Amino acid sequence: MKSALLAATIAIAAVAVASPANAKGCIKGAIVGGVAGHYAGHHGVLGAAAGCLYGRHHAKEQQRQQTQGQGTQQNKL
């Protein structure tokens, strides 16, 4: 159990160090995931890691939709 916790912590640290500019959505997702993981069997770190990844994915999807919407508006003008 401790080795899985250590691996998750290292993975989170590697993602945070490798891409600090891509942190949009990660903080909110990590907080929500950490709380949910804590209440779902004391797996707060794993929940925070999953929440961070989901938050980043969701932020990228919103950004992609926003840029696509701007592109179609410019084509109409």
C-alpha atoms as a PDB file:
ATOM      1  CA  MET A   1       0.000   0.000   0.000  1.00  0.00           C
ATOM      2  CA  LYS A   2       2.819   2.387   0.841  1.00  0.00           C
ATOM      3  CA  SER A   3       4.557   1.680  -2.460  1.00  0.00           C
ATOM      4  CA  ALA A   4       1.375   2.564  -4.398  1.00  0.00           C
ATOM      5  CA  LEU A   5       1.051   5.758  -2.389  1.00  0.00           C
ATOM      6  CA  LEU A   6       4.678   6.618  -3.065  1.00  0.00           C
ATOM      7  CA  ALA A   7       4.276   5.924  -6.786  1.00  0.00           C
ATOM      8  CA  ALA A   8       1.191   8.135  -6.969  1.00  0.00           C
ATOM      9  CA  THR A   9       2.981  10.939  -5.134  1.00  0.00           C
ATOM     10  CA  ILE A  10       5.954  10.727  -7.494  1.00  0.00           C
ATOM     11  CA  ALA A  11       3.647  10.735 -10.523  1.00  0.00           C
ATOM     12  CA  ILE A  12       1.853  13.847  -9.273  1.00  0.00           C
ATOM     13  CA  ALA A  13       5.156  15.590  -8.606  1.00  0.00           C
ATOM     14  CA  ALA A  14       6.456  14.678 -12.063  1.00  0.00           C
ATOM     15  CA  VAL A  15       3.347  16.085 -13.743  1.00  0.00           C
ATOM     16  CA  ALA A  16       3.522  19.259 -11.663  1.00  0.00           C
ATOM     17  CA  VAL A  17       7.201  19.833 -12.437  1.00  0.00           C
ATOM     18  CA  ALA A  18       7.029  18.898 -16.112  1.00  0.00           C
ATOM     19  CA  SER A  19       4.147  21.171 -17.070  1.00  0.00           C
ATOM     20  CA  PRO A  20       3.499  24.051 -14.686  1.00  0.00           C
ATOM     21  CA  ALA A  21       1.664  26.047 -17.377  1.00  0.00           C
ATOM     22  CA  ASN A  22      -0.897  23.263 -17.841  1.00  0.00           C
ATOM     23  CA  ALA A  23      -2.115  23.430 -14.259  1.00  0.00           C
ATOM     24  CA  LYS A  24      -5.440  25.005 -15.216  1.00  0.00           C
ATOM     25  CA  GLY A  25      -8.160  22.796 -13.785  1.00  0.00           C
ATOM     26  CA  CYS A  26      -5.726  20.655 -11.833  1.00  0.00           C
ATOM     27  CA  ILE A  27      -6.045  22.402  -8.478  1.00  0.00           C
ATOM     28  CA  LYS A  28      -9.835  22.320  -8.339  1.00  0.00           C
ATOM     29  CA  GLY A  29      -9.915  18.714  -9.565  1.00  0.00           C
ATOM     30  CA  ALA A  30      -7.274  17.669  -7.058  1.00  0.00           C
ATOM     31  CA  ILE A  31      -9.203  19.199  -4.169  1.00  0.00           C
ATOM     32  CA  VAL A  32     -12.487  17.573  -5.142  1.00  0.00           C
ATOM     33  CA  GLY A  33     -10.813  14.241  -5.931  1.00  0.00           C
ATOM     34  CA  GLY A  34      -8.814  14.280  -2.722  1.00  0.00           C
ATOM     35  CA  VAL A  35     -11.883  14.858  -0.570  1.00  0.00           C
ATOM     36  CA  ALA A  36     -13.855  12.200  -2.442  1.00  0.00           C
ATOM     37  CA  GLY A  37     -10.983   9.737  -2.205  1.00  0.00           C
ATOM     38  CA  HIS A  38     -10.587  10.390   1.504  1.00  0.00           C
ATOM     39  CA  TYR A  39     -14.209   9.606   2.201  1.00  0.00           C
ATOM     40  CA  ALA A  40     -14.185   6.610  -0.125  1.00  0.00           C
ATOM     41  CA  GLY A  41     -11.689   4.601   1.879  1.00  0.00           C
ATOM     42  CA  HIS A  42      -8.809   6.910   2.825  1.00  0.00           C
ATOM     43  CA  HIS A  43      -7.404   7.155  -0.699  1.00  0.00           C
ATOM     44  CA  GLY A  44      -7.048  10.926  -0.763  1.00  0.00           C
ATOM     45  CA  VAL A  45      -3.781  11.005  -2.700  1.00  0.00           C
ATOM     46  CA  LEU A  46      -5.067   8.719  -5.421  1.00  0.00           C
ATOM     47  CA  GLY A  47      -8.278  10.721  -5.597  1.00  0.00           C
ATOM     48  CA  ALA A  48      -6.298  13.947  -5.864  1.00  0.00           C
ATOM     49  CA  ALA A  49      -4.198  12.517  -8.707  1.00  0.00           C
ATOM     50  CA  ALA A  50      -7.264  11.349 -10.590  1.00  0.00           C
ATOM     51  CA  GLY A  51      -9.038  14.651  -9.954  1.00  0.00           C
ATOM     52  CA  CYS A  52      -6.060  16.609 -11.230  1.00  0.00           C
ATOM     53  CA  LEU A  53      -5.935  14.590 -14.433  1.00  0.00           C
ATOM     54  CA  TYR A  54      -9.677  14.950 -14.972  1.00  0.00           C
ATOM     55  CA  GLY A  55      -9.546  18.677 -14.232  1.00  0.00           C
ATOM     56  CA  ARG A  56      -6.790  19.205 -16.799  1.00  0.00           C
ATOM     57  CA  HIS A  57      -8.706  17.167 -19.373  1.00  0.00           C
ATOM     58  CA  HIS A  58     -11.886  19.144 -18.765  1.00  0.00           C
ATOM     59  CA  ALA A  59     -10.041  22.491 -19.004  1.00  0.00           C
ATOM     60  CA  LYS A  60      -8.450  21.458 -22.307  1.00  0.00           C
ATOM     61  CA  GLU A  61     -11.842  20.428 -23.701  1.00  0.00           C
ATOM     62  CA  GLN A  62     -13.359  23.775 -22.726  1.00  0.00           C
ATOM     63  CA  GLN A  63     -10.437  25.641 -24.281  1.00  0.00           C
ATOM     64  CA  ARG A  64     -10.757  23.607 -27.494  1.00  0.00           C
ATOM     65  CA  GLN A  65     -14.485  24.331 -27.716  1.00  0.00           C
ATOM     66  CA  GLN A  66     -13.892  28.009 -27.076  1.00  0.00           C
ATOM     67  CA  THR A  67     -11.269  28.303 -29.816  1.00  0.00           C
ATOM     68  CA  GLN A  68     -13.457  26.388 -32.272  1.00  0.00           C
ATOM     69  CA  GLY A  69     -16.354  28.710 -31.511  1.00  0.00           C
ATOM     70  CA  GLN A  70     -14.202  31.763 -32.176  1.00  0.00           C
ATOM     71  CA  GLY A  71     -13.018  30.304 -35.473  1.00  0.00           C
ATOM     72  CA  THR A  72     -16.548  29.775 -36.776  1.00  0.00           C
ATOM     73  CA  GLN A  73     -17.567  33.298 -35.764  1.00  0.00           C
ATOM     74  CA  GLN A  74     -14.628  34.770 -37.693  1.00  0.00           C
ATOM     75  CA  ASN A  75     -15.558  32.755 -40.800  1.00  0.00           C
ATOM     76  CA  LYS A  76     -19.103  34.195 -40.741  1.00  0.00           C
ATOM     77  CA  LEU A  77     -17.851  37.796 -40.786  1.00  0.00           C
END
